[in-house]
N, C-alpha and C. Protein backbone atom coordinates (compact mmCIF):
# COMPACT_ATOMS: atom_id res chain seq x y z
N MET A 1 1.19 -1.17 0.15
CA MET A 1 0.07 0.04 0.03
C MET A 1 0.75 1.14 0.06
N SER A 2 1.92 1.26 0.51
CA SER A 2 2.92 2.52 0.42
C SER A 2 3.38 2.84 -0.64
N ALA A 3 3.16 2.02 -1.65
CA ALA A 3 3.77 2.50 -3.07
C ALA A 3 2.38 3.29 -3.54
N HIS A 4 1.09 3.29 -3.20
CA HIS A 4 0.14 3.62 -3.64
C HIS A 4 -0.46 4.86 -2.98
N THR A 5 0.08 5.83 -2.17
CA THR A 5 -0.25 6.87 -1.50
C THR A 5 0.54 8.03 -1.84
N ASP A 6 0.06 9.36 -1.57
CA ASP A 6 0.55 10.49 -1.95
C ASP A 6 0.84 11.14 -0.85
N ALA A 7 0.78 10.34 0.52
CA ALA A 7 1.22 11.15 1.87
C ALA A 7 2.77 11.48 2.20
N LYS A 8 2.76 12.93 2.70
CA LYS A 8 4.09 13.56 2.68
C LYS A 8 4.89 12.58 3.51
N HIS A 9 4.57 11.96 4.55
CA HIS A 9 5.34 10.86 5.23
C HIS A 9 4.63 9.85 5.49
N LEU A 10 5.55 8.49 5.45
CA LEU A 10 5.18 7.25 5.70
C LEU A 10 5.74 6.75 6.67
N CYS A 11 4.89 6.07 7.71
CA CYS A 11 5.83 5.81 8.89
C CYS A 11 5.42 4.31 9.05
N TYR A 12 6.28 3.49 9.49
CA TYR A 12 6.03 1.94 9.68
C TYR A 12 6.61 1.98 10.82
N VAL A 13 5.58 1.25 11.95
CA VAL A 13 5.69 1.05 13.35
C VAL A 13 5.89 -0.94 13.38
N THR A 14 7.00 -1.03 14.38
CA THR A 14 7.16 -2.30 14.68
C THR A 14 7.90 -2.34 15.82
N LEU A 15 7.46 -3.55 16.53
CA LEU A 15 8.23 -4.25 17.67
C LEU A 15 9.61 -4.88 17.45
N ASN A 16 9.80 -5.05 15.89
CA ASN A 16 10.61 -6.27 15.86
C ASN A 16 11.61 -5.37 15.27
N PRO A 17 12.77 -4.71 15.62
CA PRO A 17 13.54 -3.82 15.01
C PRO A 17 14.53 -4.64 13.77
N ASN A 18 14.26 -6.06 13.48
CA ASN A 18 14.74 -6.40 12.63
C ASN A 18 13.95 -6.91 11.20
N HIS A 19 12.61 -6.31 11.43
CA HIS A 19 11.88 -6.64 10.25
C HIS A 19 12.49 -5.90 8.80
N VAL A 20 12.20 -6.87 7.95
CA VAL A 20 12.69 -6.39 6.77
C VAL A 20 12.48 -5.29 5.98
N VAL A 21 11.50 -5.21 5.95
CA VAL A 21 10.46 -4.10 5.42
C VAL A 21 10.75 -2.76 6.11
N VAL A 22 10.82 -2.74 7.03
CA VAL A 22 11.00 -1.72 8.43
C VAL A 22 12.19 -1.42 8.01
N ARG A 23 13.58 -2.01 7.92
CA ARG A 23 15.02 -1.89 8.31
C ARG A 23 15.02 -1.20 6.42
N ALA A 24 14.42 -1.87 5.71
CA ALA A 24 14.37 -0.77 4.26
C ALA A 24 13.87 0.49 4.19
N HIS A 25 12.79 0.53 4.74
CA HIS A 25 12.21 1.53 5.12
C HIS A 25 13.16 2.83 5.71
N ILE A 26 13.69 2.38 6.71
CA ILE A 26 14.42 3.35 7.84
C ILE A 26 15.91 3.69 6.43
N ARG A 27 16.20 2.64 6.08
CA ARG A 27 17.30 3.31 5.35
C ARG A 27 16.81 4.17 4.06
N ALA A 28 15.61 4.06 3.55
CA ALA A 28 14.96 4.85 2.39
C ALA A 28 14.32 6.35 2.94
N ARG A 29 13.31 5.83 3.96
CA ARG A 29 12.32 6.99 4.38
C ARG A 29 12.57 6.96 5.83
N PRO A 30 13.73 7.51 6.64
CA PRO A 30 13.60 6.73 8.45
C PRO A 30 11.91 7.52 9.23
N ARG A 31 11.62 6.98 10.21
CA ARG A 31 10.74 7.51 11.02
C ARG A 31 11.09 6.77 12.41
N LEU A 32 10.77 5.69 12.77
CA LEU A 32 10.54 5.44 14.09
C LEU A 32 10.34 3.80 14.43
N ARG A 33 10.96 3.38 15.19
CA ARG A 33 11.16 1.64 15.63
C ARG A 33 11.46 1.65 16.87
N LEU A 34 10.99 0.55 17.18
CA LEU A 34 11.32 -0.10 19.07
C LEU A 34 12.62 -0.52 18.82
N GLU A 35 13.80 -0.22 19.54
CA GLU A 35 15.14 -0.82 19.64
C GLU A 35 15.64 -1.36 21.28
N ALA A 36 15.97 -2.27 21.32
CA ALA A 36 17.08 -2.73 22.21
C ALA A 36 17.78 -1.32 22.80
N GLY A 37 17.67 -1.01 24.37
CA GLY A 37 18.53 0.22 24.58
C GLY A 37 19.52 -0.45 25.88
N VAL A 38 20.12 0.61 26.45
CA VAL A 38 21.09 0.06 27.57
C VAL A 38 20.10 -0.14 28.80
N ASN A 39 19.04 0.56 29.09
CA ASN A 39 17.95 0.41 29.86
C ASN A 39 16.91 -0.37 29.93
N GLY A 40 16.84 -1.04 28.54
CA GLY A 40 15.67 -1.75 28.10
C GLY A 40 15.03 -1.44 26.56
N GLN A 41 13.89 -1.33 26.37
CA GLN A 41 13.42 -1.04 25.19
C GLN A 41 13.10 0.30 24.91
N MET A 42 13.52 0.60 23.36
CA MET A 42 13.71 2.05 23.59
C MET A 42 13.03 2.72 22.17
N ILE A 43 11.86 3.62 22.08
CA ILE A 43 11.28 4.19 20.96
C ILE A 43 12.32 5.10 20.82
N THR A 44 12.45 5.03 19.24
CA THR A 44 13.70 5.66 18.58
C THR A 44 12.94 6.51 17.21
N LEU A 45 13.21 7.34 17.25
CA LEU A 45 12.51 8.08 16.24
C LEU A 45 13.83 8.31 14.97
N TYR A 46 13.79 8.14 13.49
CA TYR A 46 14.65 8.55 12.73
C TYR A 46 14.28 9.57 11.86
N ASP A 47 15.43 10.43 11.49
CA ASP A 47 15.35 11.71 10.47
C ASP A 47 16.96 11.82 10.36
N LYS A 48 17.30 11.34 9.33
CA LYS A 48 18.55 11.14 8.91
C LYS A 48 19.31 10.59 9.85
N ALA A 49 19.14 10.54 11.29
CA ALA A 49 19.84 10.45 12.54
C ALA A 49 18.94 9.81 13.36
N PRO A 50 19.37 8.52 14.36
CA PRO A 50 18.34 8.37 15.42
C PRO A 50 18.35 9.11 16.38
N HIS A 51 17.14 9.16 16.95
CA HIS A 51 16.92 10.24 18.25
C HIS A 51 15.78 9.31 19.09
N PRO A 52 16.74 8.70 20.16
CA PRO A 52 16.13 7.88 21.22
C PRO A 52 14.98 9.01 21.97
N ALA A 53 13.75 8.58 21.99
CA ALA A 53 12.50 9.25 22.11
C ALA A 53 12.16 8.88 23.86
N HIS A 54 12.09 7.52 24.16
CA HIS A 54 11.81 7.01 25.32
C HIS A 54 12.28 5.61 25.76
N VAL A 55 12.37 5.49 26.74
CA VAL A 55 12.56 4.01 27.06
C VAL A 55 11.11 3.48 27.62
N THR A 56 10.75 2.58 27.04
CA THR A 56 9.25 2.19 26.87
C THR A 56 8.79 1.74 28.73
N HIS A 57 9.93 1.54 29.57
CA HIS A 57 9.37 0.65 30.49
C HIS A 57 9.07 2.16 31.62
N LEU A 58 9.14 3.06 31.25
CA LEU A 58 9.31 4.65 31.97
C LEU A 58 8.03 5.22 31.32
N ILE A 59 7.24 4.55 30.54
CA ILE A 59 6.23 5.47 29.92
C ILE A 59 5.17 4.63 30.75
N PRO A 60 4.26 5.39 31.69
CA PRO A 60 3.25 5.28 32.69
C PRO A 60 2.49 3.99 32.31
N ALA A 61 1.61 4.26 30.69
CA ALA A 61 0.57 3.35 30.46
C ALA A 61 1.32 1.98 29.95
N THR A 62 2.57 1.99 30.02
CA THR A 62 3.01 0.43 29.27
C THR A 62 3.46 -0.33 30.86
N LEU A 63 2.97 -0.10 31.76
CA LEU A 63 3.28 -1.10 33.12
C LEU A 63 4.49 -1.66 33.13
N GLU A 64 5.38 -0.73 32.99
CA GLU A 64 7.15 -0.91 32.98
C GLU A 64 7.25 -1.65 31.62
N GLY A 65 6.90 -1.49 30.35
CA GLY A 65 7.12 -2.16 29.44
C GLY A 65 6.19 -3.37 29.33
N ARG A 66 5.53 -3.64 30.18
CA ARG A 66 5.03 -5.31 29.91
C ARG A 66 3.67 -5.13 29.16
N ALA A 67 2.99 -4.05 29.05
CA ALA A 67 1.91 -4.04 28.25
C ALA A 67 2.03 -3.61 27.10
N MET A 68 2.35 -4.34 26.14
CA MET A 68 2.87 -4.30 24.77
C MET A 68 1.79 -3.74 23.81
N HIS A 69 0.48 -3.55 24.23
CA HIS A 69 -0.43 -2.65 23.18
C HIS A 69 -0.05 -1.34 23.87
N ASN A 70 0.00 -1.00 24.64
CA ASN A 70 0.35 0.47 24.75
C ASN A 70 1.69 1.06 24.59
N VAL A 71 2.87 0.16 24.67
CA VAL A 71 4.16 0.59 23.72
C VAL A 71 3.76 0.48 22.14
N GLN A 72 2.80 -0.35 21.79
CA GLN A 72 2.23 0.41 20.44
C GLN A 72 1.97 1.60 20.28
N ASN A 73 0.82 1.77 21.39
CA ASN A 73 -0.08 3.09 20.97
C ASN A 73 0.84 4.14 21.27
N ALA A 74 1.63 3.89 22.05
CA ALA A 74 2.89 4.70 22.46
C ALA A 74 3.79 5.28 21.13
N MET A 75 3.75 4.04 20.58
CA MET A 75 5.02 4.32 19.22
C MET A 75 3.96 5.18 18.24
N PHE A 76 2.49 4.63 18.15
CA PHE A 76 2.00 5.36 17.23
C PHE A 76 1.59 6.77 17.47
N ALA A 77 1.86 7.06 18.73
CA ALA A 77 1.53 8.77 18.76
C ALA A 77 2.80 9.53 18.56
N ALA A 78 4.14 8.86 18.85
CA ALA A 78 5.41 9.25 18.70
C ALA A 78 5.20 9.54 17.43
N ALA A 79 5.10 8.51 16.37
CA ALA A 79 5.24 8.93 14.72
C ALA A 79 4.03 9.60 14.50
N LEU A 80 3.04 9.72 14.61
CA LEU A 80 2.37 11.00 14.48
C LEU A 80 3.26 12.27 14.75
N ALA A 81 3.11 12.65 15.98
CA ALA A 81 3.72 13.75 16.55
C ALA A 81 4.92 14.14 15.64
N PHE A 82 5.87 13.29 15.34
CA PHE A 82 7.00 13.62 14.53
C PHE A 82 6.84 13.76 13.23
N SER A 83 5.85 12.94 12.89
CA SER A 83 5.38 13.60 11.25
C SER A 83 4.88 14.79 11.04
N LEU A 84 4.18 15.24 12.14
CA LEU A 84 3.65 16.58 12.48
C LEU A 84 4.37 17.80 12.53
N ASP A 85 5.74 17.37 13.00
CA ASP A 85 6.60 18.47 13.12
C ASP A 85 6.83 18.85 14.65
N ILE A 86 6.28 18.11 15.32
CA ILE A 86 6.21 18.47 16.83
C ILE A 86 7.65 18.17 17.04
N LYS A 87 8.07 19.03 18.26
CA LYS A 87 9.68 18.67 18.60
C LYS A 87 9.35 17.98 19.87
N LEU A 88 10.87 17.20 19.25
CA LEU A 88 11.48 16.16 20.00
C LEU A 88 11.05 16.25 21.94
N ASP A 89 11.59 17.05 22.30
CA ASP A 89 11.26 17.28 23.69
C ASP A 89 9.98 17.08 23.97
N ALA A 90 9.03 17.51 23.08
CA ALA A 90 7.61 17.87 23.71
C ALA A 90 7.09 16.19 23.29
N ILE A 91 7.51 15.74 22.45
CA ILE A 91 7.31 14.04 22.26
C ILE A 91 7.88 13.16 23.35
N ARG A 92 8.75 13.59 23.97
CA ARG A 92 9.48 13.15 25.24
C ARG A 92 8.66 13.03 26.41
N GLN A 93 8.01 14.50 26.69
CA GLN A 93 7.09 14.83 27.53
C GLN A 93 6.00 14.31 27.62
N ALA A 94 5.26 14.18 26.47
CA ALA A 94 4.41 13.47 26.36
C ALA A 94 4.13 11.71 26.63
N LEU A 95 5.56 11.43 26.35
CA LEU A 95 5.45 10.11 26.55
C LEU A 95 5.82 9.72 28.28
N ARG A 96 6.40 10.77 28.83
CA ARG A 96 6.83 10.48 30.38
C ARG A 96 5.37 10.53 30.91
N THR A 97 4.26 10.97 30.48
CA THR A 97 3.00 11.15 31.29
C THR A 97 1.93 10.49 30.37
N PHE A 98 2.27 9.68 29.67
CA PHE A 98 0.99 8.76 29.02
C PHE A 98 0.71 7.99 29.73
N ASP A 99 -0.34 7.98 30.27
CA ASP A 99 -0.67 6.82 31.14
C ASP A 99 -2.09 6.24 30.78
N ARG A 100 -2.53 5.29 31.16
CA ARG A 100 -4.00 4.66 30.97
C ARG A 100 -4.82 4.95 32.22
N PRO A 101 -6.07 5.16 31.76
CA PRO A 101 -7.27 5.59 32.61
C PRO A 101 -7.32 5.09 33.83
N SER A 102 -7.17 5.96 34.98
CA SER A 102 -7.67 5.30 36.17
C SER A 102 -8.70 3.92 36.23
N SER A 103 -8.33 2.98 37.05
CA SER A 103 -9.23 1.94 37.06
C SER A 103 -9.94 1.72 38.55
N ARG A 104 -9.64 3.26 39.09
CA ARG A 104 -10.49 3.08 40.37
C ARG A 104 -12.03 3.88 39.52
N ARG A 105 -13.25 3.50 39.92
CA ARG A 105 -14.44 4.15 39.65
C ARG A 105 -14.54 5.45 40.21
N ARG A 106 -14.96 6.51 39.67
CA ARG A 106 -15.38 7.70 40.44
C ARG A 106 -16.47 7.72 41.03
N GLY A 107 -16.45 8.40 42.13
CA GLY A 107 -17.32 8.80 43.21
C GLY A 107 -17.99 7.36 43.93
N ALA A 108 -16.91 6.49 44.07
CA ALA A 108 -16.84 5.33 44.97
C ALA A 108 -16.32 5.46 45.99
């Protein structure tokens, strides 16, 4: 489908940093992927060079990196923000505060 879009930015998001399509995409038009970092998995944005955005286990909604569906949600949010030219510091701040809804019932 990527060959059939007129989109200015195209972003693949993957939990597998060795994915063949994503690696080829990063070489051609870099954007974002999840990588192994010194302190755990790192969401990394690419724009001619890698820009580490945030370690996944420090994003509150990921439950210390175990809630992979929220790791993916954080990756998509970061990719969209980056594609909209949101500054990297603002993306990092948003990831630091990205949390899941409270499980407590209101008014109880």
